[in-house]
C-alpha atoms as a PDB file:
ATOM      1  CA  UNK A   1      22.257  -5.417 -12.655  1.00  0.00           C
ATOM      2  CA  UNK A   2      20.098  -5.921  -9.599  1.00  0.00           C
ATOM      3  CA  UNK A   3      16.761  -7.655  -9.183  1.00  0.00           C
ATOM      4  CA  UNK A   4      14.527  -8.679 -12.055  1.00  0.00           C
ATOM      5  CA  UNK A   5      12.003  -5.901 -12.701  1.00  0.00           C
ATOM      6  CA  UNK A   6       8.459  -7.021 -13.532  1.00  0.00           C
ATOM      7  CA  UNK A   7       5.779  -5.141 -15.481  1.00  0.00           C
ATOM      8  CA  UNK A   8       2.227  -5.298 -14.110  1.00  0.00           C
ATOM      9  CA  UNK A   9      -0.721  -3.740 -15.938  1.00  0.00           C
ATOM     10  CA  UNK A  10      -3.675  -3.058 -13.644  1.00  0.00           C
ATOM     11  CA  UNK A  11      -7.325  -3.463 -14.574  1.00  0.00           C
ATOM     12  CA  UNK A  12      -9.287  -1.033 -12.402  1.00  0.00           C
ATOM     13  CA  UNK A  13     -12.842  -2.395 -12.423  1.00  0.00           C
ATOM     14  CA  UNK A  14     -16.231  -0.767 -11.984  1.00  0.00           C
ATOM     15  CA  UNK A  15     -19.534  -2.410 -12.925  1.00  0.00           C
ATOM     16  CA  UNK A  16     -17.705  -5.202 -14.753  1.00  0.00           C
ATOM     17  CA  UNK A  17     -15.727  -2.855 -17.017  1.00  0.00           C
ATOM     18  CA  UNK A  18     -12.127  -1.665 -16.967  1.00  0.00           C
ATOM     19  CA  UNK A  19     -11.981   2.021 -16.025  1.00  0.00           C
ATOM     20  CA  UNK A  20      -9.319   4.608 -15.234  1.00  0.00           C
ATOM     21  CA  UNK A  21      -9.431   7.679 -13.053  1.00  0.00           C
ATOM     22  CA  UNK A  22      -7.216  10.536 -11.924  1.00  0.00           C
ATOM     23  CA  UNK A  23      -6.476  10.977  -8.205  1.00  0.00           C
ATOM     24  CA  UNK A  24      -8.995   8.131  -7.588  1.00  0.00           C
ATOM     25  CA  UNK A  25     -11.834  10.095  -9.287  1.00  0.00           C
ATOM     26  CA  UNK A  26     -12.850  11.294 -12.811  1.00  0.00           C
ATOM     27  CA  UNK A  27     -13.485   7.734 -14.030  1.00  0.00           C
ATOM     28  CA  UNK A  28     -13.403   6.810 -17.749  1.00  0.00           C
ATOM     29  CA  UNK A  29     -14.228   3.512 -19.470  1.00  0.00           C
ATOM     30  CA  UNK A  30     -11.220   1.592 -20.812  1.00  0.00           C
ATOM     31  CA  UNK A  31     -12.661  -1.665 -22.099  1.00  0.00           C
ATOM     32  CA  UNK A  32     -13.609  -5.282 -21.448  1.00  0.00           C
ATOM     33  CA  UNK A  33     -11.488  -6.995 -18.771  1.00  0.00           C
ATOM     34  CA  UNK A  34     -11.186 -10.334 -20.583  1.00  0.00           C
ATOM     35  CA  UNK A  35     -10.004  -8.711 -23.810  1.00  0.00           C
ATOM     36  CA  UNK A  36      -7.595  -6.483 -21.865  1.00  0.00           C
ATOM     37  CA  UNK A  37      -6.168  -9.481 -19.985  1.00  0.00           C
ATOM     38  CA  UNK A  38      -5.630 -11.466 -23.194  1.00  0.00           C
ATOM     39  CA  UNK A  39      -3.901  -8.518 -24.829  1.00  0.00           C
ATOM     40  CA  UNK A  40      -1.555  -7.973 -21.886  1.00  0.00           C
ATOM     41  CA  UNK A  41      -0.542 -11.627 -21.735  1.00  0.00           C
ATOM     42  CA  UNK A  42       0.272 -11.523 -25.463  1.00  0.00           C
ATOM     43  CA  UNK A  43       2.093  -8.193 -25.100  1.00  0.00           C
ATOM     44  CA  UNK A  44       4.594  -9.593 -22.601  1.00  0.00           C
ATOM     45  CA  UNK A  45       3.296  -8.418 -19.229  1.00  0.00           C
ATOM     46  CA  UNK A  46       4.887 -10.306 -16.325  1.00  0.00           C
ATOM     47  CA  UNK A  47       1.930 -10.070 -13.957  1.00  0.00           C
ATOM     48  CA  UNK A  48      -1.621  -8.754 -14.020  1.00  0.00           C
ATOM     49  CA  UNK A  49      -3.633  -6.958 -11.355  1.00  0.00           C
ATOM     50  CA  UNK A  50      -7.381  -6.423 -11.177  1.00  0.00           C
ATOM     51  CA  UNK A  51      -8.883  -4.037  -8.652  1.00  0.00           C
ATOM     52  CA  UNK A  52     -12.619  -3.658  -8.049  1.00  0.00           C
ATOM     53  CA  UNK A  53     -12.297   0.029  -7.154  1.00  0.00           C
ATOM     54  CA  UNK A  54     -15.731   0.570  -5.599  1.00  0.00           C
ATOM     55  CA  UNK A  55     -16.347  -2.802  -3.906  1.00  0.00           C
ATOM     56  CA  UNK A  56     -15.262  -1.608  -0.466  1.00  0.00           C
ATOM     57  CA  UNK A  57     -17.161   1.688  -0.448  1.00  0.00           C
ATOM     58  CA  UNK A  58     -20.269  -0.013  -1.867  1.00  0.00           C
ATOM     59  CA  UNK A  59     -20.024  -2.667   0.860  1.00  0.00           C
ATOM     60  CA  UNK A  60     -19.856  -5.632  -1.485  1.00  0.00           C
ATOM     61  CA  UNK A  61     -17.362  -8.261  -2.516  1.00  0.00           C
ATOM     62  CA  UNK A  62     -15.222  -8.482  -5.613  1.00  0.00           C
ATOM     63  CA  UNK A  63     -17.083  -9.574  -8.739  1.00  0.00           C
ATOM     64  CA  UNK A  64     -16.231 -13.288  -8.636  1.00  0.00           C
ATOM     65  CA  UNK A  65     -17.642 -14.063 -12.087  1.00  0.00           C
ATOM     66  CA  UNK A  66     -15.373 -11.438 -13.628  1.00  0.00           C
ATOM     67  CA  UNK A  67     -12.381 -12.924 -11.772  1.00  0.00           C
ATOM     68  CA  UNK A  68     -13.232 -16.358 -13.202  1.00  0.00           C
ATOM     69  CA  UNK A  69     -13.513 -15.020 -16.748  1.00  0.00           C
ATOM     70  CA  UNK A  70     -10.233 -13.112 -16.554  1.00  0.00           C
ATOM     71  CA  UNK A  71      -8.393 -15.989 -14.831  1.00  0.00           C
ATOM     72  CA  UNK A  72      -9.493 -18.338 -17.626  1.00  0.00           C
ATOM     73  CA  UNK A  73      -7.529 -16.363 -20.238  1.00  0.00           C
ATOM     74  CA  UNK A  74      -4.601 -15.205 -18.084  1.00  0.00           C
ATOM     75  CA  UNK A  75      -1.262 -16.987 -18.484  1.00  0.00           C
ATOM     76  CA  UNK A  76       0.714 -14.885 -15.953  1.00  0.00           C
ATOM     77  CA  UNK A  77       0.420 -14.385 -12.169  1.00  0.00           C
ATOM     78  CA  UNK A  78      -2.879 -12.634 -11.431  1.00  0.00           C
ATOM     79  CA  UNK A  79      -3.568 -10.484  -8.343  1.00  0.00           C
ATOM     80  CA  UNK A  80      -7.104  -9.408  -7.407  1.00  0.00           C
ATOM     81  CA  UNK A  81      -8.140  -6.730  -4.905  1.00  0.00           C
ATOM     82  CA  UNK A  82     -11.216  -4.813  -3.795  1.00  0.00           C
ATOM     83  CA  UNK A  83     -13.839  -5.871  -1.282  1.00  0.00           C
ATOM     84  CA  UNK A  84     -11.732  -8.672   0.219  1.00  0.00           C
ATOM     85  CA  UNK A  85     -12.336  -8.434   3.937  1.00  0.00           C
ATOM     86  CA  UNK A  86     -11.851 -11.869   5.482  1.00  0.00           C
ATOM     87  CA  UNK A  87     -10.528 -15.387   4.930  1.00  0.00           C
ATOM     88  CA  UNK A  88     -13.761 -16.472   3.236  1.00  0.00           C
ATOM     89  CA  UNK A  89     -13.769 -13.714   0.613  1.00  0.00           C
ATOM     90  CA  UNK A  90     -10.031 -14.180  -0.004  1.00  0.00           C
ATOM     91  CA  UNK A  91     -10.604 -17.895  -0.523  1.00  0.00           C
ATOM     92  CA  UNK A  92     -13.432 -17.247  -2.982  1.00  0.00           C
ATOM     93  CA  UNK A  93     -11.187 -15.024  -5.119  1.00  0.00           C
ATOM     94  CA  UNK A  94      -8.326 -17.545  -5.050  1.00  0.00           C
ATOM     95  CA  UNK A  95     -10.733 -20.381  -5.873  1.00  0.00           C
ATOM     96  CA  UNK A  96     -11.974 -18.316  -8.844  1.00  0.00           C
ATOM     97  CA  UNK A  97      -8.468 -18.426 -10.304  1.00  0.00           C
ATOM     98  CA  UNK A  98      -6.491 -15.542  -8.817  1.00  0.00           C
ATOM     99  CA  UNK A  99      -2.909 -16.298  -7.760  1.00  0.00           C
ATOM    100  CA  UNK A 100      -2.870 -13.570  -5.104  1.00  0.00           C
ATOM    101  CA  UNK A 101      -5.279 -11.379  -3.208  1.00  0.00           C
ATOM    102  CA  UNK A 102      -4.615  -7.731  -2.481  1.00  0.00           C
ATOM    103  CA  UNK A 103      -6.163  -6.376   0.725  1.00  0.00           C
ATOM    104  CA  UNK A 104      -6.233  -2.729   1.765  1.00  0.00           C
ATOM    105  CA  UNK A 105      -9.078  -1.237   3.812  1.00  0.00           C
ATOM    106  CA  UNK A 106     -10.018  -4.456   5.623  1.00  0.00           C
ATOM    107  CA  UNK A 107      -6.368  -5.066   6.502  1.00  0.00           C
ATOM    108  CA  UNK A 108      -6.190  -1.661   8.133  1.00  0.00           C
ATOM    109  CA  UNK A 109      -9.503  -1.927   9.970  1.00  0.00           C
ATOM    110  CA  UNK A 110      -8.833  -5.468  11.206  1.00  0.00           C
ATOM    111  CA  UNK A 111      -5.109  -6.269  11.071  1.00  0.00           C
ATOM    112  CA  UNK A 112      -5.824  -9.779  12.336  1.00  0.00           C
ATOM    113  CA  UNK A 113      -7.283 -10.459   8.866  1.00  0.00           C
ATOM    114  CA  UNK A 114      -3.748 -10.204   7.443  1.00  0.00           C
ATOM    115  CA  UNK A 115      -2.480 -12.854   9.819  1.00  0.00           C
ATOM    116  CA  UNK A 116      -5.477 -15.112   9.175  1.00  0.00           C
ATOM    117  CA  UNK A 117      -5.160 -14.925   5.381  1.00  0.00           C
ATOM    118  CA  UNK A 118      -1.379 -15.446   5.485  1.00  0.00           C
ATOM    119  CA  UNK A 119      -1.766 -18.467   7.780  1.00  0.00           C
ATOM    120  CA  UNK A 120      -4.541 -19.993   5.678  1.00  0.00           C
ATOM    121  CA  UNK A 121      -3.193 -19.470   2.160  1.00  0.00           C
ATOM    122  CA  UNK A 122       0.509 -18.648   2.572  1.00  0.00           C
ATOM    123  CA  UNK A 123       2.362 -15.350   2.464  1.00  0.00           C
ATOM    124  CA  UNK A 124       3.117 -15.776  -1.245  1.00  0.00           C
ATOM    125  CA  UNK A 125      -0.599 -15.346  -2.005  1.00  0.00           C
ATOM    126  CA  UNK A 126      -1.128 -12.057  -0.149  1.00  0.00           C
ATOM    127  CA  UNK A 127      -0.356  -8.465  -1.138  1.00  0.00           C
ATOM    128  CA  UNK A 128      -1.162  -5.576   1.173  1.00  0.00           C
ATOM    129  CA  UNK A 129      -2.109  -2.395  -0.662  1.00  0.00           C
ATOM    130  CA  UNK A 130      -1.577   0.918   1.115  1.00  0.00           C
ATOM    131  CA  UNK A 131      -3.232   4.040  -0.272  1.00  0.00           C
ATOM    132  CA  UNK A 132      -1.590   7.191   1.017  1.00  0.00           C
ATOM    133  CA  UNK A 133      -1.671  10.954   0.740  1.00  0.00           C
ATOM    134  CA  UNK A 134       0.880  13.487   1.847  1.00  0.00           C
ATOM    135  CA  UNK A 135       0.521  14.873   5.370  1.00  0.00           C
ATOM    136  CA  UNK A 136       3.411  16.917   6.725  1.00  0.00           C
ATOM    137  CA  UNK A 137       2.149  16.540  10.295  1.00  0.00           C
ATOM    138  CA  UNK A 138       3.088  12.839  10.356  1.00  0.00           C
ATOM    139  CA  UNK A 139       6.685  11.654  10.883  1.00  0.00           C
ATOM    140  CA  UNK A 140       7.122  10.221   7.379  1.00  0.00           C
ATOM    141  CA  UNK A 141       5.000  12.874   5.690  1.00  0.00           C
ATOM    142  CA  UNK A 142       2.553  10.219   4.449  1.00  0.00           C
ATOM    143  CA  UNK A 143      -0.847   9.214   5.865  1.00  0.00           C
ATOM    144  CA  UNK A 144      -2.739   5.964   5.262  1.00  0.00           C
ATOM    145  CA  UNK A 145      -6.100   6.351   3.503  1.00  0.00           C
ATOM    146  CA  UNK A 146      -8.775   3.670   3.175  1.00  0.00           C
ATOM    147  CA  UNK A 147     -12.076   3.204   1.295  1.00  0.00           C
ATOM    148  CA  UNK A 148     -10.506   3.769  -2.118  1.00  0.00           C
ATOM    149  CA  UNK A 149      -8.623   6.836  -0.960  1.00  0.00           C
ATOM    150  CA  UNK A 150     -11.694   8.497   0.531  1.00  0.00           C
ATOM    151  CA  UNK A 151     -11.075   8.162   4.282  1.00  0.00           C
ATOM    152  CA  UNK A 152      -8.078   9.567   6.164  1.00  0.00           C
ATOM    153  CA  UNK A 153      -6.899   7.425   9.082  1.00  0.00           C
ATOM    154  CA  UNK A 154      -4.363   9.612  10.883  1.00  0.00           C
ATOM    155  CA  UNK A 155      -1.867   6.726  10.714  1.00  0.00           C
ATOM    156  CA  UNK A 156       1.673   7.132   9.437  1.00  0.00           C
ATOM    157  CA  UNK A 157       2.116   5.081   6.251  1.00  0.00           C
ATOM    158  CA  UNK A 158       5.654   3.925   7.008  1.00  0.00           C
ATOM    159  CA  UNK A 159       4.706   2.718  10.492  1.00  0.00           C
ATOM    160  CA  UNK A 160       1.790   0.824   8.975  1.00  0.00           C
ATOM    161  CA  UNK A 161       4.093  -0.764   6.361  1.00  0.00           C
ATOM    162  CA  UNK A 162       6.399  -1.990   9.137  1.00  0.00           C
ATOM    163  CA  UNK A 163       3.444  -3.483  10.992  1.00  0.00           C
ATOM    164  CA  UNK A 164       2.228  -5.194   7.815  1.00  0.00           C
ATOM    165  CA  UNK A 165       5.635  -6.788   7.298  1.00  0.00           C
ATOM    166  CA  UNK A 166       5.424  -8.168  10.819  1.00  0.00           C
ATOM    167  CA  UNK A 167       2.559 -10.434   9.715  1.00  0.00           C
ATOM    168  CA  UNK A 168       4.847 -12.146   7.194  1.00  0.00           C
ATOM    169  CA  UNK A 169       3.632 -10.232   4.143  1.00  0.00           C
ATOM    170  CA  UNK A 170       6.108 -10.325   1.248  1.00  0.00           C
ATOM    171  CA  UNK A 171       4.607  -7.717  -1.099  1.00  0.00           C
ATOM    172  CA  UNK A 172       3.417  -4.172  -0.350  1.00  0.00           C
ATOM    173  CA  UNK A 173       1.636  -2.086  -2.983  1.00  0.00           C
ATOM    174  CA  UNK A 174       1.622   1.619  -2.045  1.00  0.00           C
ATOM    175  CA  UNK A 175      -0.369   4.087  -4.161  1.00  0.00           C
ATOM    176  CA  UNK A 176       0.005   7.821  -3.649  1.00  0.00           C
ATOM    177  CA  UNK A 177      -3.195   9.804  -4.039  1.00  0.00           C
ATOM    178  CA  UNK A 178      -1.062  12.801  -5.037  1.00  0.00           C
ATOM    179  CA  UNK A 179       0.277  11.086  -8.166  1.00  0.00           C
ATOM    180  CA  UNK A 180      -2.451   8.516  -9.032  1.00  0.00           C
ATOM    181  CA  UNK A 181      -3.436   8.776 -12.699  1.00  0.00           C
ATOM    182  CA  UNK A 182      -1.662  12.110 -13.113  1.00  0.00           C
ATOM    183  CA  UNK A 183       1.086  10.707 -15.403  1.00  0.00           C
ATOM    184  CA  UNK A 184       3.642  12.962 -13.706  1.00  0.00           C
ATOM    185  CA  UNK A 185       5.673  10.085 -12.275  1.00  0.00           C
ATOM    186  CA  UNK A 186       5.429   7.750  -9.300  1.00  0.00           C
ATOM    187  CA  UNK A 187       5.801   9.154  -5.786  1.00  0.00           C
ATOM    188  CA  UNK A 188       9.501   8.329  -5.498  1.00  0.00           C
ATOM    189  CA  UNK A 189      10.022   9.564  -1.910  1.00  0.00           C
ATOM    190  CA  UNK A 190       7.201   7.227  -0.822  1.00  0.00           C
ATOM    191  CA  UNK A 191       8.789   4.230  -2.585  1.00  0.00           C
ATOM    192  CA  UNK A 192      12.183   5.027  -1.068  1.00  0.00           C
ATOM    193  CA  UNK A 193      10.738   5.486   2.411  1.00  0.00           C
ATOM    194  CA  UNK A 194       8.884   2.163   2.399  1.00  0.00           C
ATOM    195  CA  UNK A 195      11.824   0.351   0.783  1.00  0.00           C
ATOM    196  CA  UNK A 196      14.083   1.710   3.502  1.00  0.00           C
ATOM    197  CA  UNK A 197      11.758   0.541   6.266  1.00  0.00           C
ATOM    198  CA  UNK A 198      10.825  -3.002   5.174  1.00  0.00           C
ATOM    199  CA  UNK A 199      12.311  -5.956   3.295  1.00  0.00           C
ATOM    200  CA  UNK A 200       9.099  -6.673   1.330  1.00  0.00           C
ATOM    201  CA  UNK A 201       8.917  -6.378  -2.440  1.00  0.00           C
ATOM    202  CA  UNK A 202       7.528  -2.962  -3.369  1.00  0.00           C
ATOM    203  CA  UNK A 203       5.026  -2.523  -6.203  1.00  0.00           C
ATOM    204  CA  UNK A 204       5.223   0.987  -7.679  1.00  0.00           C
ATOM    205  CA  UNK A 205       1.711   2.267  -8.357  1.00  0.00           C
ATOM    206  CA  UNK A 206       0.132   5.552  -9.347  1.00  0.00           C
ATOM    207  CA  UNK A 207       1.527   8.114 -11.742  1.00  0.00           C
ATOM    208  CA  UNK A 208       3.399   6.507 -14.640  1.00  0.00           C
ATOM    209  CA  UNK A 209       3.336   8.651 -17.773  1.00  0.00           C
ATOM    210  CA  UNK A 210       6.682   8.125 -19.510  1.00  0.00           C
ATOM    211  CA  UNK A 211       9.276   5.390 -19.943  1.00  0.00           C
ATOM    212  CA  UNK A 212      11.587   7.258 -17.595  1.00  0.00           C
ATOM    213  CA  UNK A 213       9.012   7.170 -14.791  1.00  0.00           C
ATOM    214  CA  UNK A 214       9.234   3.363 -14.714  1.00  0.00           C
ATOM    215  CA  UNK A 215      13.019   3.497 -14.578  1.00  0.00           C
ATOM    216  CA  UNK A 216      12.914   6.062 -11.774  1.00  0.00           C
ATOM    217  CA  UNK A 217      10.596   3.832  -9.722  1.00  0.00           C
ATOM    218  CA  UNK A 218      12.887   0.837 -10.149  1.00  0.00           C
ATOM    219  CA  UNK A 219      15.861   2.972  -9.133  1.00  0.00           C
ATOM    220  CA  UNK A 220      13.910   4.030  -6.035  1.00  0.00           C
ATOM    221  CA  UNK A 221      13.519   0.386  -5.001  1.00  0.00           C
ATOM    222  CA  UNK A 222      10.373  -1.002  -6.657  1.00  0.00           C
ATOM    223  CA  UNK A 223      10.695  -4.402  -8.330  1.00  0.00           C
ATOM    224  CA  UNK A 224       7.154  -4.538  -9.736  1.00  0.00           C
ATOM    225  CA  UNK A 225       6.085  -1.614 -11.912  1.00  0.00           C
ATOM    226  CA  UNK A 226       2.304  -1.261 -12.058  1.00  0.00           C
ATOM    227  CA  UNK A 227       0.449   1.054 -14.417  1.00  0.00           C
ATOM    228  CA  UNK A 228      -2.971   1.331 -15.979  1.00  0.00           C
ATOM    229  CA  UNK A 229      -3.885   4.140 -18.366  1.00  0.00           C
ATOM    230  CA  UNK A 230      -0.539   4.332 -20.203  1.00  0.00           C
ATOM    231  CA  UNK A 231      -1.012   0.663 -21.129  1.00  0.00           C
ATOM    232  CA  UNK A 232      -4.804   0.706 -21.636  1.00  0.00           C
ATOM    233  CA  UNK A 233      -4.670   3.649 -24.025  1.00  0.00           C
ATOM    234  CA  UNK A 234      -1.521   2.368 -25.810  1.00  0.00           C
ATOM    235  CA  UNK A 235       0.604   5.354 -24.798  1.00  0.00           C
ATOM    236  CA  UNK A 236       3.377   2.922 -23.851  1.00  0.00           C
ATOM    237  CA  UNK A 237       3.872  -0.574 -25.266  1.00  0.00           C
ATOM    238  CA  UNK A 238       5.174  -3.191 -22.826  1.00  0.00           C
ATOM    239  CA  UNK A 239       7.784  -4.499 -25.280  1.00  0.00           C
ATOM    240  CA  UNK A 240       9.139  -0.976 -25.800  1.00  0.00           C
ATOM    241  CA  UNK A 241       9.203  -0.392 -22.052  1.00  0.00           C
ATOM    242  CA  UNK A 242      11.212  -3.560 -21.458  1.00  0.00           C
ATOM    243  CA  UNK A 243      13.695  -2.628 -24.188  1.00  0.00           C
ATOM    244  CA  UNK A 244      14.092   0.811 -22.633  1.00  0.00           C
ATOM    245  CA  UNK A 245      14.665  -0.560 -19.123  1.00  0.00           C
ATOM    246  CA  UNK A 246      17.136  -3.150 -20.392  1.00  0.00           C
ATOM    247  CA  UNK A 247      19.057  -0.473 -22.293  1.00  0.00           C
ATOM    248  CA  UNK A 248      19.382   1.429 -19.033  1.00  0.00           C
ATOM    249  CA  UNK A 249      20.879  -1.546 -17.238  1.00  0.00           C
ATOM    250  CA  UNK A 250      17.764  -3.110 -15.702  1.00  0.00           C
ATOM    251  CA  UNK A 251      17.088  -6.855 -15.711  1.00  0.00           C
ATOM    252  CA  UNK A 252      13.757  -7.630 -17.363  1.00  0.00           C
ATOM    253  CA  UNK A 253      12.085 -10.884 -18.371  1.00  0.00           C
ATOM    254  CA  UNK A 254      12.088 -12.054 -21.966  1.00  0.00           C
ATOM    255  CA  UNK A 255       9.030 -10.975 -23.960  1.00  0.00           C
ATOM    256  CA  UNK A 256       6.347 -13.682 -24.079  1.00  0.00           C
ATOM    257  CA  UNK A 257       5.839 -15.391 -27.432  1.00  0.00           C
ATOM    258  CA  UNK A 258       2.196 -15.544 -28.437  1.00  0.00           C
END
């Protein structure tokens, strides 16, 4: 039946509130992060992510007080990203209660940060997020973007993923700008391409709209299935998703008992 597939709701944060956008823009409010985190733990989520979506472009760090409040009610592994640019800021987020940090723009601008954070805290506490958009002029057809998907880098996404793995990273979280928030399905060619190039765990991110989309991503090679709006707005219940995946031959964890 293959690897155990894990379900990971994502709290995209702006100004201390959970929000959700489409293609990284068109932001709507989706609730209080503490209440969302509690609900997801009760609903049977396997992991939780929280991303401060404007920390990097606003030149500030992740909202540590919010991390503390969410960590206090979270009973599952908790990953935090946004505005983490060095060992010190990573340490502050981990000290606030996160189990992992997710680094994106800073990792690209200063790859030595990846090595430093891995050496200091261990590879099991580091995820590298890679935002991409399609670019047919690059070998893989995908280009790395930074600053919350705002800035093109000219770098091939698959080559960057290989380099990231070289620092000992165990988890890569690619998000395709083309599918983010569109509910038309994950970017399956991107998942397959990264899975074929590295041995890291792949987190599918950006585009889930139906139960089948999650299955497709797992078939493409993702072992962690991340989504936001379909969970926030109760379009898909986590228990129903797990039943669906199990019925299609996937290994999923037992639902949590509240």
